[in-house]
């Protein structure tokens, strides 16, 4: 755990202590379970977003993909009678194709990630609404899928399975990012793509894989969200969820310039965001301020990141002048 992660952990504990003092219901098992469930749901997509941000890119279509995958998955399972494991595999394949398309547009056609993923945000939302004719989709009364429900909305010893799955994914992604050649290449591409290319790294492939990872994790998150809500309105499901993912990554130390960050940090960032959301609810603050809190968190995170980057550059310059004869 680096200094940024440790500082974020201390902030989480401090905020949690204050909230618990102001409202003891914060520590109730049911509240902790609900908060953990939301951490798991949002954490999956945030980890995926982090892989894109570390390359210096951004993925704005997360919320729309969550809506599209959600309506498709529920329709296949509840209406078409497709076995849920097959439906899950089909959704993952669709996520791979979406990530591949974004990666190719960015690397081969040299389009800006912001433009590509913004268009994706609009296209996938539109497709989801057209597919359902703007109608809400959900499970029929009495329709049950015991195994699927247990895996997605069940609990073990009071711990939501969404949170457990997020932790498993985080451990795997930590190994991928911090203990693999691919991870080192990701950092290199984010630091300086041109230098990475000249050093022999196939930067296009690295960036494409980052977008595929992001979309696959978003698909898993979308299925968990679909099972959590049990019904989906394609016009509103997943709205602004990309902001949660971006904010969590930025809070976790992932620089929007690329080349920095840790998986532990992004998980802690998700925990802090959900803790703040819980604070808003428990203290009776109007829920309409949720997005104001989110915007403030993103602004503070980016500001701190910028100032930290300038401070490090200044210190490096001072050190170079001291060493120089």
Protein backbone atom coordinates (compact mmCIF):
# COMPACT_ATOMS: atom_id res chain seq x y z
CA UNK A 1 0.00 0.00 0.00
CA UNK A 2 1.54 3.33 -1.08
CA UNK A 3 1.18 6.70 0.64
CA UNK A 4 -1.84 7.71 -1.44
CA UNK A 5 -3.69 4.51 -0.59
CA UNK A 6 -2.82 4.85 3.10
CA UNK A 7 -4.05 8.44 3.13
CA UNK A 8 -7.30 7.38 1.46
CA UNK A 9 -7.79 4.59 4.01
CA UNK A 10 -7.29 7.05 6.87
CA UNK A 11 -9.84 9.39 5.26
CA UNK A 12 -12.36 6.53 4.94
CA UNK A 13 -11.93 5.64 8.62
CA UNK A 14 -12.23 9.29 9.65
CA UNK A 15 -15.40 9.87 7.63
CA UNK A 16 -16.87 6.59 8.89
CA UNK A 17 -16.16 7.56 12.49
CA UNK A 18 -17.83 10.95 12.07
CA UNK A 19 -20.91 9.42 10.39
CA UNK A 20 -21.18 6.72 13.08
CA UNK A 21 -21.08 9.38 15.80
CA UNK A 22 -23.71 11.52 14.08
CA UNK A 23 -25.93 8.54 13.26
CA UNK A 24 -25.27 5.19 14.99
CA UNK A 25 -27.40 3.43 12.32
CA UNK A 26 -24.33 3.60 10.10
CA UNK A 27 -22.87 0.59 11.95
CA UNK A 28 -26.01 -1.55 11.78
CA UNK A 29 -25.35 -4.86 9.96
CA UNK A 30 -28.13 -4.21 7.43
CA UNK A 31 -26.65 -0.80 6.53
CA UNK A 32 -23.12 -2.18 6.25
CA UNK A 33 -24.41 -5.03 4.06
CA UNK A 34 -26.28 -2.63 1.77
CA UNK A 35 -23.24 -0.37 1.49
CA UNK A 36 -20.97 -3.35 0.79
CA UNK A 37 -23.34 -4.51 -1.93
CA UNK A 38 -23.17 -1.11 -3.63
CA UNK A 39 -19.38 -1.08 -3.28
CA UNK A 40 -19.32 -4.41 -5.09
CA UNK A 41 -21.70 -3.28 -7.85
CA UNK A 42 -19.87 -0.04 -8.59
CA UNK A 43 -16.42 -1.46 -7.84
CA UNK A 44 -16.51 -3.89 -10.77
CA UNK A 45 -17.00 -1.14 -13.36
CA UNK A 46 -14.57 1.19 -11.54
CA UNK A 47 -11.76 -1.37 -11.77
CA UNK A 48 -12.46 -1.69 -15.49
CA UNK A 49 -12.44 2.09 -15.90
CA UNK A 50 -9.08 2.23 -14.12
CA UNK A 51 -7.47 0.03 -16.80
CA UNK A 52 -8.53 2.52 -19.46
CA UNK A 53 -7.52 5.60 -17.48
CA UNK A 54 -4.04 4.21 -16.86
CA UNK A 55 -3.45 4.29 -20.64
CA UNK A 56 -4.41 7.96 -20.69
CA UNK A 57 -7.87 7.20 -22.10
CA UNK A 58 -11.39 7.37 -20.72
CA UNK A 59 -14.55 5.27 -21.08
CA UNK A 60 -17.77 7.32 -21.02
CA UNK A 61 -20.12 4.60 -22.24
CA UNK A 62 -20.12 2.58 -19.00
CA UNK A 63 -23.60 3.64 -17.88
CA UNK A 64 -25.16 3.04 -21.29
CA UNK A 65 -23.52 -0.38 -21.56
CA UNK A 66 -24.93 -1.27 -18.14
CA UNK A 67 -28.41 -0.36 -19.42
CA UNK A 68 -28.02 -2.23 -22.73
CA UNK A 69 -26.55 -5.39 -21.20
CA UNK A 70 -29.16 -5.32 -18.45
CA UNK A 71 -32.16 -5.27 -20.80
CA UNK A 72 -30.61 -7.88 -23.10
CA UNK A 73 -29.73 -10.23 -20.25
CA UNK A 74 -33.13 -10.04 -18.59
CA UNK A 75 -34.92 -10.43 -21.92
CA UNK A 76 -32.88 -13.51 -22.83
CA UNK A 77 -33.32 -15.16 -19.44
CA UNK A 78 -36.85 -14.10 -18.47
CA UNK A 79 -38.59 -13.83 -21.85
CA UNK A 80 -36.69 -15.98 -24.34
CA UNK A 81 -35.95 -18.78 -21.89
CA UNK A 82 -32.22 -18.88 -22.59
CA UNK A 83 -30.31 -20.63 -19.76
CA UNK A 84 -28.61 -17.92 -17.74
CA UNK A 85 -25.04 -19.31 -18.12
CA UNK A 86 -25.43 -19.10 -21.91
CA UNK A 87 -26.91 -15.61 -21.63
CA UNK A 88 -23.99 -14.60 -19.43
CA UNK A 89 -21.45 -15.88 -21.97
CA UNK A 90 -23.26 -14.07 -24.79
CA UNK A 91 -23.17 -10.80 -22.83
CA UNK A 92 -19.45 -11.20 -22.12
CA UNK A 93 -18.83 -11.77 -25.85
CA UNK A 94 -20.81 -8.61 -26.59
CA UNK A 95 -18.68 -6.74 -24.06
CA UNK A 96 -15.51 -8.00 -25.74
CA UNK A 97 -16.80 -6.80 -29.11
CA UNK A 98 -17.68 -3.37 -27.73
CA UNK A 99 -14.26 -3.01 -26.12
CA UNK A 100 -12.58 -4.23 -29.30
CA UNK A 101 -14.51 -1.72 -31.41
CA UNK A 102 -13.58 1.17 -29.11
CA UNK A 103 -9.94 0.10 -29.02
CA UNK A 104 -9.70 -0.21 -32.81
CA UNK A 105 -11.33 3.17 -33.41
CA UNK A 106 -8.89 4.80 -30.97
CA UNK A 107 -5.71 3.04 -32.08
CA UNK A 108 -6.24 2.46 -35.81
CA UNK A 109 -8.31 5.48 -36.79
CA UNK A 110 -6.59 7.68 -34.19
CA UNK A 111 -9.88 9.02 -32.81
CA UNK A 112 -9.95 10.64 -29.39
CA UNK A 113 -11.12 8.29 -26.60
CA UNK A 114 -13.49 10.99 -25.38
CA UNK A 115 -15.25 11.19 -28.76
CA UNK A 116 -15.39 7.43 -29.33
CA UNK A 117 -16.81 6.62 -25.92
CA UNK A 118 -19.15 9.62 -25.90
CA UNK A 119 -20.64 8.32 -29.15
CA UNK A 120 -20.86 4.90 -27.51
CA UNK A 121 -22.73 6.45 -24.60
CA UNK A 122 -25.36 7.80 -27.01
CA UNK A 123 -25.52 4.77 -29.31
CA UNK A 124 -25.87 2.06 -26.63
CA UNK A 125 -28.48 4.04 -24.71
CA UNK A 126 -30.42 4.56 -27.91
CA UNK A 127 -30.22 0.88 -28.84
CA UNK A 128 -31.41 -0.15 -25.37
CA UNK A 129 -34.40 2.19 -25.60
CA UNK A 130 -35.25 1.08 -29.14
CA UNK A 131 -34.95 -2.61 -28.22
CA UNK A 132 -37.53 -2.25 -25.45
CA UNK A 133 -39.56 0.51 -27.13
CA UNK A 134 -38.77 2.58 -24.02
CA UNK A 135 -40.61 0.05 -21.86
CA UNK A 136 -39.36 -1.25 -18.54
CA UNK A 137 -38.19 -4.86 -18.65
CA UNK A 138 -38.10 -7.23 -15.70
CA UNK A 139 -38.89 -10.67 -14.41
CA UNK A 140 -42.46 -11.92 -14.41
CA UNK A 141 -44.27 -12.42 -11.11
CA UNK A 142 -43.16 -15.66 -9.50
CA UNK A 143 -40.25 -16.16 -11.89
CA UNK A 144 -37.25 -17.42 -9.94
CA UNK A 145 -33.72 -18.48 -10.81
CA UNK A 146 -32.31 -19.84 -7.52
CA UNK A 147 -28.71 -20.36 -8.62
CA UNK A 148 -28.51 -17.02 -10.42
CA UNK A 149 -30.13 -15.16 -7.52
CA UNK A 150 -27.76 -16.81 -5.04
CA UNK A 151 -24.70 -15.85 -7.08
CA UNK A 152 -25.78 -12.25 -7.62
CA UNK A 153 -27.93 -11.03 -4.74
CA UNK A 154 -27.18 -13.71 -2.15
CA UNK A 155 -25.01 -13.40 0.94
CA UNK A 156 -22.50 -15.57 2.78
CA UNK A 157 -22.18 -14.90 6.51
CA UNK A 158 -23.88 -11.56 5.91
CA UNK A 159 -21.43 -10.48 3.19
CA UNK A 160 -23.07 -9.75 -0.20
CA UNK A 161 -21.79 -11.90 -3.05
CA UNK A 162 -21.38 -8.81 -5.23
CA UNK A 163 -18.78 -7.55 -2.74
CA UNK A 164 -17.03 -10.93 -2.63
CA UNK A 165 -16.90 -11.10 -6.44
CA UNK A 166 -15.53 -7.56 -6.58
CA UNK A 167 -12.76 -8.52 -4.14
CA UNK A 168 -11.89 -11.61 -6.21
CA UNK A 169 -11.78 -9.51 -9.39
CA UNK A 170 -9.69 -6.87 -7.60
CA UNK A 171 -7.13 -9.48 -6.52
CA UNK A 172 -6.89 -10.88 -10.05
CA UNK A 173 -6.61 -7.41 -11.58
CA UNK A 174 -3.99 -6.45 -8.97
CA UNK A 175 -1.84 -9.34 -10.14
CA UNK A 176 -2.46 -8.38 -13.80
CA UNK A 177 -1.63 -4.72 -13.26
CA UNK A 178 1.19 -4.91 -10.72
CA UNK A 179 2.79 -8.32 -11.25
CA UNK A 180 2.61 -9.04 -14.98
CA UNK A 181 4.38 -7.92 -18.14
CA UNK A 182 1.07 -6.64 -19.50
CA UNK A 183 0.71 -4.43 -16.42
CA UNK A 184 4.17 -2.97 -16.87
CA UNK A 185 3.35 -2.26 -20.49
CA UNK A 186 0.14 -0.50 -19.43
CA UNK A 187 2.09 1.83 -17.16
CA UNK A 188 4.65 2.44 -19.90
CA UNK A 189 1.98 3.31 -22.47
CA UNK A 190 0.27 5.65 -20.02
CA UNK A 191 3.53 7.41 -19.14
CA UNK A 192 4.67 7.95 -22.71
CA UNK A 193 3.02 6.05 -25.55
CA UNK A 194 5.56 7.12 -28.16
CA UNK A 195 8.53 6.09 -26.02
CA UNK A 196 6.81 2.76 -25.27
CA UNK A 197 6.32 2.16 -29.00
CA UNK A 198 9.99 2.89 -29.75
CA UNK A 199 11.02 0.48 -27.00
CA UNK A 200 9.27 -2.36 -28.83
CA UNK A 201 5.90 -2.42 -27.04
CA UNK A 202 2.91 -2.98 -29.32
CA UNK A 203 1.03 -0.08 -27.85
CA UNK A 204 -2.08 -0.54 -29.99
CA UNK A 205 -2.61 -4.05 -28.66
CA UNK A 206 -2.11 -2.92 -25.07
CA UNK A 207 -4.70 -0.13 -25.42
CA UNK A 208 -7.21 -2.42 -27.14
CA UNK A 209 -6.86 -5.01 -24.38
CA UNK A 210 -7.42 -2.30 -21.75
CA UNK A 211 -10.75 -1.34 -23.36
CA UNK A 212 -11.79 -4.99 -23.63
CA UNK A 213 -11.03 -5.55 -19.93
CA UNK A 214 -13.03 -2.45 -19.08
CA UNK A 215 -16.08 -3.62 -21.03
CA UNK A 216 -15.96 -7.20 -19.74
CA UNK A 217 -15.96 -5.95 -16.14
CA UNK A 218 -18.74 -3.51 -17.04
CA UNK A 219 -20.79 -6.42 -18.39
CA UNK A 220 -20.38 -8.34 -15.13
CA UNK A 221 -21.37 -5.22 -13.21
CA UNK A 222 -24.40 -4.75 -15.50
CA UNK A 223 -25.67 -8.28 -14.79
CA UNK A 224 -25.28 -7.76 -11.05
CA UNK A 225 -27.13 -4.45 -11.31
CA UNK A 226 -29.90 -6.12 -13.34
CA UNK A 227 -30.38 -8.83 -10.73
CA UNK A 228 -30.22 -6.28 -7.92
CA UNK A 229 -32.93 -4.03 -9.39
CA UNK A 230 -34.95 -6.91 -10.94
CA UNK A 231 -36.36 -4.46 -13.50
CA UNK A 232 -34.70 -1.99 -15.84
CA UNK A 233 -35.83 1.24 -17.40
CA UNK A 234 -33.50 1.69 -20.40
CA UNK A 235 -33.84 5.47 -20.22
CA UNK A 236 -32.50 5.72 -16.66
CA UNK A 237 -30.60 2.53 -15.77
CA UNK A 238 -26.92 3.30 -15.34
CA UNK A 239 -27.27 7.05 -15.80
CA UNK A 240 -24.00 8.77 -14.81
CA UNK A 241 -22.50 5.50 -13.54
CA UNK A 242 -19.41 6.29 -15.58
CA UNK A 243 -18.91 9.26 -13.25
CA UNK A 244 -18.82 6.95 -10.25
CA UNK A 245 -16.18 4.84 -11.97
CA UNK A 246 -14.08 7.83 -13.03
CA UNK A 247 -14.35 9.47 -9.60
CA UNK A 248 -13.36 6.24 -7.83
CA UNK A 249 -10.33 5.81 -10.10
CA UNK A 250 -9.22 9.43 -9.66
CA UNK A 251 -9.67 9.24 -5.90
CA UNK A 252 -7.69 6.00 -5.94
CA UNK A 253 -4.67 7.71 -7.45
CA UNK A 254 -5.21 7.01 -11.15
CA UNK A 255 -4.01 10.09 -12.95
CA UNK A 256 -6.13 11.25 -15.89
CA UNK A 257 -2.82 11.87 -17.65
CA UNK A 258 -2.18 8.12 -17.49
CA UNK A 259 0.63 5.98 -16.14
CA UNK A 260 -0.28 6.06 -12.45
CA UNK A 261 -2.57 4.22 -10.05
CA UNK A 262 -3.17 1.08 -8.03
CA UNK A 263 -6.02 -1.42 -7.77
CA UNK A 264 -6.07 -1.01 -3.99
CA UNK A 265 -6.57 2.70 -4.52
CA UNK A 266 -9.55 2.35 -6.85
CA UNK A 267 -11.26 -0.08 -4.44
CA UNK A 268 -10.73 2.39 -1.60
CA UNK A 269 -12.06 5.14 -3.88
CA UNK A 270 -15.29 3.19 -4.40
CA UNK A 271 -15.60 2.62 -0.66
CA UNK A 272 -15.19 6.34 0.02
CA UNK A 273 -17.78 7.31 -2.59
CA UNK A 274 -20.37 4.90 -1.22
CA UNK A 275 -19.55 6.03 2.31
CA UNK A 276 -20.27 9.61 1.23
CA UNK A 277 -23.53 8.51 -0.42
CA UNK A 278 -24.47 6.73 2.79
CA UNK A 279 -23.64 9.89 4.73
CA UNK A 280 -26.02 11.88 2.54
CA UNK A 281 -28.83 9.39 3.20
CA UNK A 282 -28.29 8.91 6.94
CA UNK A 283 -27.90 12.59 7.75
CA UNK A 284 -31.07 13.54 5.90
CA UNK A 285 -29.29 15.60 3.26
CA UNK A 286 -31.51 15.93 0.15
CA UNK A 287 -30.71 13.14 -2.33
CA UNK A 288 -30.70 15.76 -5.08
CA UNK A 289 -27.28 16.78 -3.75
CA UNK A 290 -25.80 13.37 -4.58
CA UNK A 291 -24.47 14.57 -7.91
CA UNK A 292 -23.20 17.77 -6.31
CA UNK A 293 -21.20 15.62 -3.90
CA UNK A 294 -19.95 13.51 -6.81
CA UNK A 295 -18.91 16.59 -8.80
CA UNK A 296 -17.11 18.03 -5.80
CA UNK A 297 -15.28 14.77 -5.18
CA UNK A 298 -14.12 14.59 -8.82
CA UNK A 299 -13.01 18.24 -8.75
CA UNK A 300 -11.06 17.78 -5.53
CA UNK A 301 -9.49 14.56 -6.81
CA UNK A 302 -8.36 16.12 -10.11
CA UNK A 303 -7.09 19.25 -8.34
CA UNK A 304 -5.04 17.24 -5.86
CA UNK A 305 -3.70 15.08 -8.71
CA UNK A 306 -2.63 18.14 -10.72
CA UNK A 307 -0.97 19.83 -7.76
CA UNK A 308 0.77 16.60 -6.74
CA UNK A 309 2.10 16.18 -10.27
CA UNK A 310 3.46 19.73 -10.32
CA UNK A 311 5.01 19.27 -6.88
CA UNK A 312 6.80 16.10 -8.00
CA UNK A 313 8.10 17.80 -11.14
CA UNK A 314 9.35 20.75 -9.09
CA UNK A 315 11.09 18.45 -6.61
CA UNK A 316 12.66 16.47 -9.46
CA UNK A 317 13.93 19.68 -11.02
CA UNK A 318 15.41 20.86 -7.74
CA UNK A 319 17.11 17.49 -7.22
CA UNK A 320 18.58 17.64 -10.73
CA UNK A 321 20.02 21.10 -10.08
CA UNK A 322 21.61 19.92 -6.84
CA UNK A 323 23.21 16.88 -8.51
CA UNK A 324 24.42 18.82 -11.56
CA UNK A 325 28.00 20.15 -11.22
